[in-house]
């Protein structure tokens, strides 16, 4: 199955939500699914199949509404 995972948190990032997102994507892929992960841009390197979306707004809420 092809899955698009949209996550409002930066990945990777040293907090719980990022870890959950990474583990969920890893598990879905291990089960044989084709997963594309889209997250707001971050400085850190991402996972394979991870697309960072650049959002120019400075305000977090405005960025998430645009995302």
Protein backbone atom coordinates (compact mmCIF):
# COMPACT_ATOMS: atom_id res chain seq x y z
CA UNK A 1 0.00 0.00 0.00
CA UNK A 2 1.22 3.53 -0.72
CA UNK A 3 0.91 5.83 2.29
CA UNK A 4 1.48 9.59 2.60
CA UNK A 5 2.28 10.57 6.20
CA UNK A 6 1.92 14.30 6.93
CA UNK A 7 3.48 15.25 10.25
CA UNK A 8 3.47 18.71 11.80
CA UNK A 9 6.63 17.98 13.83
CA UNK A 10 10.21 18.20 12.59
CA UNK A 11 11.81 14.79 12.02
CA UNK A 12 14.30 13.89 13.33
CA UNK A 13 14.05 15.96 16.48
CA UNK A 14 14.91 15.08 20.09
CA UNK A 15 11.38 14.78 21.45
CA UNK A 16 8.66 12.16 21.74
CA UNK A 17 6.52 13.07 18.72
CA UNK A 18 9.48 12.81 16.36
CA UNK A 19 10.41 9.40 17.77
CA UNK A 20 6.83 8.16 17.37
CA UNK A 21 6.71 9.38 13.78
CA UNK A 22 10.02 7.70 12.92
CA UNK A 23 8.98 4.42 14.55
CA UNK A 24 5.58 4.45 12.84
CA UNK A 25 7.17 5.03 9.43
CA UNK A 26 9.80 2.33 10.09
CA UNK A 27 7.10 -0.15 11.16
CA UNK A 28 4.88 0.55 8.16
CA UNK A 29 7.86 0.10 5.83
CA UNK A 30 8.88 -3.14 7.59
CA UNK A 31 5.36 -4.41 6.88
CA UNK A 32 5.99 -3.76 3.18
CA UNK A 33 4.21 -0.44 2.69
CA UNK A 34 5.61 2.38 0.54
CA UNK A 35 5.60 5.39 2.91
CA UNK A 36 6.28 9.01 1.90
CA UNK A 37 6.86 11.28 4.92
CA UNK A 38 6.27 15.04 4.64
CA UNK A 39 7.27 17.36 7.50
CA UNK A 40 8.12 21.03 8.00
CA UNK A 41 11.74 21.78 7.09
CA UNK A 42 14.43 21.23 9.71
CA UNK A 43 18.21 21.49 9.72
CA UNK A 44 18.75 17.84 10.57
CA UNK A 45 19.01 15.06 8.02
CA UNK A 46 15.81 13.11 7.55
CA UNK A 47 14.80 9.56 6.82
CA UNK A 48 14.81 7.93 3.40
CA UNK A 49 11.64 8.94 1.60
CA UNK A 50 11.36 12.04 3.79
CA UNK A 51 10.46 15.32 2.10
CA UNK A 52 10.90 18.54 4.05
CA UNK A 53 8.40 21.24 3.13
CA UNK A 54 9.76 24.79 3.47
CA UNK A 55 7.21 27.11 5.06
CA UNK A 56 8.28 30.77 5.20
CA UNK A 57 5.92 31.92 7.98
CA UNK A 58 7.61 32.75 11.29
CA UNK A 59 4.52 31.95 13.37
CA UNK A 60 4.09 28.25 14.20
CA UNK A 61 0.30 28.28 13.83
CA UNK A 62 0.50 30.06 10.46
CA UNK A 63 3.06 27.48 9.25
CA UNK A 64 0.87 24.57 10.30
CA UNK A 65 -2.25 26.04 8.70
CA UNK A 66 -0.31 26.48 5.46
CA UNK A 67 1.13 22.96 5.73
